[in-house]
Amino acid sequence: MNKKDLDTRFLEAVEIASQMTQASLPQDVQLRLYAFYKQATYGTLSYNHSESYDLRNAFKTNAWIQISHLSIEEAKEQYIEIINSLLEK
């Protein structure tokens, strides 16, 4: 599968996700989607220890750090897989 196909599938998954409500998704799924989205769109996080984070942002940052070893393409694939699995339910 070429990059364009992956990008198209990713954008379609993002569109589907944007129509889901937070209340319909468990928090761990929300965090994984957030992390894969960030990795897919921004690449590896450059973490600044001096920044002040509240607890919510700390969880989000931690989720992103945990998957920072993935390439942008791998993160897109994982994001798509999660969305597809949610649609199957």
N, C-alpha and C. Protein backbone atom coordinates (compact mmCIF):
# COMPACT_ATOMS: atom_id res chain seq x y z
N MET A 1 0.85 -1.18 0.00
CA MET A 1 0.00 0.00 0.00
C MET A 1 0.89 1.25 0.00
N ASN A 2 0.59 2.19 -0.85
CA ASN A 2 1.45 3.37 -0.92
C ASN A 2 1.04 4.41 0.12
N LYS A 3 1.89 5.43 0.24
CA LYS A 3 1.69 6.46 1.27
C LYS A 3 0.37 7.20 1.09
N LYS A 4 -0.01 7.49 -0.14
CA LYS A 4 -1.27 8.20 -0.39
C LYS A 4 -2.45 7.40 0.14
N ASP A 5 -2.44 6.11 -0.10
CA ASP A 5 -3.51 5.27 0.41
C ASP A 5 -3.58 5.32 1.93
N LEU A 6 -2.43 5.27 2.58
CA LEU A 6 -2.38 5.34 4.04
C LEU A 6 -2.89 6.69 4.52
N ASP A 7 -2.45 7.77 3.90
CA ASP A 7 -2.90 9.11 4.29
C ASP A 7 -4.41 9.25 4.12
N THR A 8 -4.93 8.74 3.03
CA THR A 8 -6.37 8.81 2.78
C THR A 8 -7.13 8.03 3.84
N ARG A 9 -6.68 6.83 4.12
CA ARG A 9 -7.34 6.00 5.14
C ARG A 9 -7.25 6.66 6.52
N PHE A 10 -6.11 7.29 6.81
CA PHE A 10 -5.93 7.97 8.09
C PHE A 10 -6.91 9.15 8.20
N LEU A 11 -7.00 9.96 7.16
CA LEU A 11 -7.90 11.10 7.20
C LEU A 11 -9.36 10.66 7.33
N GLU A 12 -9.71 9.55 6.70
CA GLU A 12 -11.07 9.01 6.85
C GLU A 12 -11.31 8.56 8.29
N ALA A 13 -10.32 7.94 8.90
CA ALA A 13 -10.44 7.50 10.30
C ALA A 13 -10.56 8.70 11.23
N VAL A 14 -9.79 9.75 10.97
CA VAL A 14 -9.87 10.97 11.79
C VAL A 14 -11.27 11.57 11.68
N GLU A 15 -11.83 11.58 10.49
CA GLU A 15 -13.18 12.11 10.28
C GLU A 15 -14.20 11.29 11.08
N ILE A 16 -14.07 9.99 11.05
CA ILE A 16 -14.98 9.12 11.82
C ILE A 16 -14.82 9.40 13.31
N ALA A 17 -13.58 9.50 13.76
CA ALA A 17 -13.32 9.75 15.19
C ALA A 17 -13.89 11.10 15.64
N SER A 18 -13.83 12.09 14.76
CA SER A 18 -14.32 13.42 15.13
C SER A 18 -15.83 13.43 15.35
N GLN A 19 -16.51 12.42 14.82
CA GLN A 19 -17.96 12.34 15.00
C GLN A 19 -18.34 11.52 16.23
N MET A 20 -17.37 10.89 16.87
CA MET A 20 -17.64 10.12 18.08
C MET A 20 -17.64 11.05 19.28
N THR A 21 -18.45 10.72 20.27
CA THR A 21 -18.46 11.53 21.48
C THR A 21 -17.48 10.96 22.50
N GLN A 22 -16.93 11.83 23.32
CA GLN A 22 -16.01 11.37 24.36
C GLN A 22 -16.71 10.40 25.30
N ALA A 23 -17.97 10.64 25.56
CA ALA A 23 -18.71 9.77 26.48
C ALA A 23 -18.85 8.36 25.94
N SER A 24 -18.76 8.20 24.62
CA SER A 24 -18.94 6.88 24.03
C SER A 24 -17.65 6.05 24.02
N LEU A 25 -16.54 6.67 24.39
CA LEU A 25 -15.25 5.98 24.36
C LEU A 25 -14.63 5.90 25.75
N PRO A 26 -14.13 4.74 26.13
CA PRO A 26 -13.41 4.64 27.41
C PRO A 26 -12.17 5.56 27.38
N GLN A 27 -11.77 6.03 28.54
CA GLN A 27 -10.65 6.97 28.60
C GLN A 27 -9.36 6.39 28.07
N ASP A 28 -9.12 5.08 28.28
CA ASP A 28 -7.89 4.50 27.77
C ASP A 28 -7.87 4.51 26.24
N VAL A 29 -9.02 4.32 25.62
CA VAL A 29 -9.10 4.38 24.15
C VAL A 29 -8.89 5.81 23.68
N GLN A 30 -9.48 6.76 24.38
CA GLN A 30 -9.27 8.17 24.04
C GLN A 30 -7.79 8.53 24.09
N LEU A 31 -7.10 8.07 25.14
CA LEU A 31 -5.67 8.36 25.27
C LEU A 31 -4.85 7.73 24.15
N ARG A 32 -5.19 6.49 23.80
CA ARG A 32 -4.45 5.83 22.72
C ARG A 32 -4.69 6.54 21.39
N LEU A 33 -5.94 6.91 21.13
CA LEU A 33 -6.22 7.64 19.90
C LEU A 33 -5.47 8.97 19.86
N TYR A 34 -5.46 9.67 20.99
CA TYR A 34 -4.74 10.93 21.07
C TYR A 34 -3.26 10.72 20.76
N ALA A 35 -2.65 9.73 21.40
CA ALA A 35 -1.22 9.49 21.23
C ALA A 35 -0.90 9.11 19.78
N PHE A 36 -1.67 8.20 19.21
CA PHE A 36 -1.40 7.80 17.83
C PHE A 36 -1.63 8.96 16.86
N TYR A 37 -2.64 9.78 17.12
CA TYR A 37 -2.89 10.94 16.27
C TYR A 37 -1.70 11.91 16.34
N LYS A 38 -1.25 12.20 17.55
CA LYS A 38 -0.13 13.13 17.70
C LYS A 38 1.13 12.59 17.04
N GLN A 39 1.42 11.30 17.25
CA GLN A 39 2.60 10.70 16.65
C GLN A 39 2.47 10.71 15.12
N ALA A 40 1.28 10.46 14.62
CA ALA A 40 1.05 10.41 13.17
C ALA A 40 1.13 11.79 12.53
N THR A 41 0.76 12.82 13.26
CA THR A 41 0.72 14.16 12.66
C THR A 41 1.92 15.03 13.02
N TYR A 42 2.55 14.78 14.16
CA TYR A 42 3.68 15.61 14.59
C TYR A 42 4.99 14.85 14.69
N GLY A 43 4.94 13.52 14.73
CA GLY A 43 6.15 12.74 14.93
C GLY A 43 6.48 12.66 16.41
N THR A 44 7.69 12.26 16.70
CA THR A 44 8.10 12.04 18.08
C THR A 44 8.06 13.34 18.89
N LEU A 45 7.52 13.21 20.08
CA LEU A 45 7.37 14.34 20.99
C LEU A 45 8.72 14.83 21.46
N SER A 46 8.93 16.14 21.40
CA SER A 46 10.11 16.72 22.04
C SER A 46 9.62 17.31 23.36
N TYR A 47 9.90 16.60 24.42
CA TYR A 47 9.33 16.91 25.73
C TYR A 47 10.17 17.96 26.44
N ASN A 48 9.51 18.98 26.95
CA ASN A 48 10.16 20.04 27.71
C ASN A 48 9.78 19.87 29.18
N HIS A 49 10.75 19.43 29.98
CA HIS A 49 10.48 19.17 31.41
C HIS A 49 10.10 20.41 32.19
N SER A 50 10.43 21.58 31.69
CA SER A 50 10.17 22.80 32.46
C SER A 50 8.72 23.27 32.32
N GLU A 51 8.00 22.72 31.35
CA GLU A 51 6.61 23.14 31.17
C GLU A 51 5.75 22.64 32.33
N SER A 52 4.74 23.41 32.66
CA SER A 52 3.83 23.03 33.74
C SER A 52 2.61 22.34 33.13
N TYR A 53 2.33 21.13 33.60
CA TYR A 53 1.19 20.36 33.09
C TYR A 53 0.23 20.04 34.22
N ASP A 54 -1.05 20.06 33.89
CA ASP A 54 -2.02 19.55 34.83
C ASP A 54 -2.08 18.03 34.66
N LEU A 55 -2.83 17.37 35.49
CA LEU A 55 -2.86 15.91 35.47
C LEU A 55 -3.36 15.36 34.14
N ARG A 56 -4.38 15.99 33.57
CA ARG A 56 -4.93 15.53 32.28
C ARG A 56 -3.86 15.58 31.20
N ASN A 57 -3.14 16.69 31.11
CA ASN A 57 -2.09 16.81 30.11
C ASN A 57 -0.93 15.87 30.39
N ALA A 58 -0.68 15.57 31.65
CA ALA A 58 0.38 14.62 31.99
C ALA A 58 0.03 13.23 31.46
N PHE A 59 -1.23 12.83 31.58
CA PHE A 59 -1.65 11.53 31.03
C PHE A 59 -1.53 11.52 29.51
N LYS A 60 -1.93 12.61 28.88
CA LYS A 60 -1.84 12.69 27.42
C LYS A 60 -0.38 12.64 26.96
N THR A 61 0.47 13.38 27.64
CA THR A 61 1.89 13.39 27.29
C THR A 61 2.50 12.01 27.50
N ASN A 62 2.16 11.37 28.60
CA ASN A 62 2.68 10.04 28.89
C ASN A 62 2.25 9.04 27.81
N ALA A 63 0.99 9.12 27.39
CA ALA A 63 0.50 8.21 26.34
C ALA A 63 1.30 8.41 25.05
N TRP A 64 1.60 9.65 24.72
CA TRP A 64 2.36 9.96 23.51
C TRP A 64 3.80 9.44 23.64
N ILE A 65 4.40 9.65 24.79
CA ILE A 65 5.78 9.20 25.02
C ILE A 65 5.86 7.67 24.87
N GLN A 66 4.85 6.96 25.35
CA GLN A 66 4.88 5.50 25.31
C GLN A 66 4.90 4.94 23.89
N ILE A 67 4.39 5.68 22.92
CA ILE A 67 4.38 5.18 21.55
C ILE A 67 5.34 5.96 20.65
N SER A 68 6.21 6.76 21.24
CA SER A 68 7.10 7.62 20.46
C SER A 68 8.12 6.83 19.63
N HIS A 69 8.27 5.54 19.88
CA HIS A 69 9.18 4.72 19.09
C HIS A 69 8.60 4.37 17.73
N LEU A 70 7.30 4.60 17.53
CA LEU A 70 6.64 4.26 16.27
C LEU A 70 6.94 5.32 15.21
N SER A 71 7.00 4.87 13.96
CA SER A 71 7.11 5.82 12.86
C SER A 71 5.75 6.49 12.64
N ILE A 72 5.74 7.54 11.87
CA ILE A 72 4.49 8.22 11.54
C ILE A 72 3.54 7.25 10.85
N GLU A 73 4.07 6.45 9.94
CA GLU A 73 3.23 5.48 9.22
C GLU A 73 2.66 4.43 10.16
N GLU A 74 3.47 3.93 11.09
CA GLU A 74 2.98 2.94 12.05
C GLU A 74 1.89 3.53 12.95
N ALA A 75 2.07 4.78 13.36
CA ALA A 75 1.08 5.44 14.20
C ALA A 75 -0.24 5.60 13.45
N LYS A 76 -0.16 5.95 12.17
CA LYS A 76 -1.38 6.07 11.36
C LYS A 76 -2.09 4.73 11.27
N GLU A 77 -1.33 3.67 11.03
CA GLU A 77 -1.92 2.32 10.93
C GLU A 77 -2.60 1.94 12.24
N GLN A 78 -1.95 2.20 13.37
CA GLN A 78 -2.54 1.87 14.67
C GLN A 78 -3.82 2.66 14.91
N TYR A 79 -3.80 3.93 14.55
CA TYR A 79 -4.99 4.79 14.70
C TYR A 79 -6.14 4.21 13.90
N ILE A 80 -5.86 3.86 12.64
CA ILE A 80 -6.88 3.30 11.76
C ILE A 80 -7.42 1.99 12.34
N GLU A 81 -6.54 1.16 12.86
CA GLU A 81 -6.97 -0.12 13.44
C GLU A 81 -7.92 0.09 14.62
N ILE A 82 -7.61 1.05 15.48
CA ILE A 82 -8.49 1.32 16.63
C ILE A 82 -9.87 1.77 16.15
N ILE A 83 -9.89 2.71 15.21
CA ILE A 83 -11.18 3.20 14.70
C ILE A 83 -11.97 2.06 14.06
N ASN A 84 -11.30 1.25 13.26
CA ASN A 84 -11.99 0.11 12.63
C ASN A 84 -12.54 -0.86 13.67
N SER A 85 -11.78 -1.11 14.74
CA SER A 85 -12.26 -2.02 15.77
C SER A 85 -13.46 -1.43 16.51
N LEU A 86 -13.49 -0.11 16.67
CA LEU A 86 -14.63 0.52 17.33
C LEU A 86 -15.87 0.45 16.45
N LEU A 87 -15.69 0.54 15.14
CA LEU A 87 -16.82 0.46 14.22
C LEU A 87 -17.43 -0.94 14.16
N GLU A 88 -16.60 -1.94 14.44
CA GLU A 88 -17.07 -3.32 14.40
C GLU A 88 -17.93 -3.66 15.60
N LYS A 89 -17.83 -2.89 16.66
CA LYS A 89 -18.58 -3.19 17.89
C LYS A 89 -20.03 -2.81 17.76
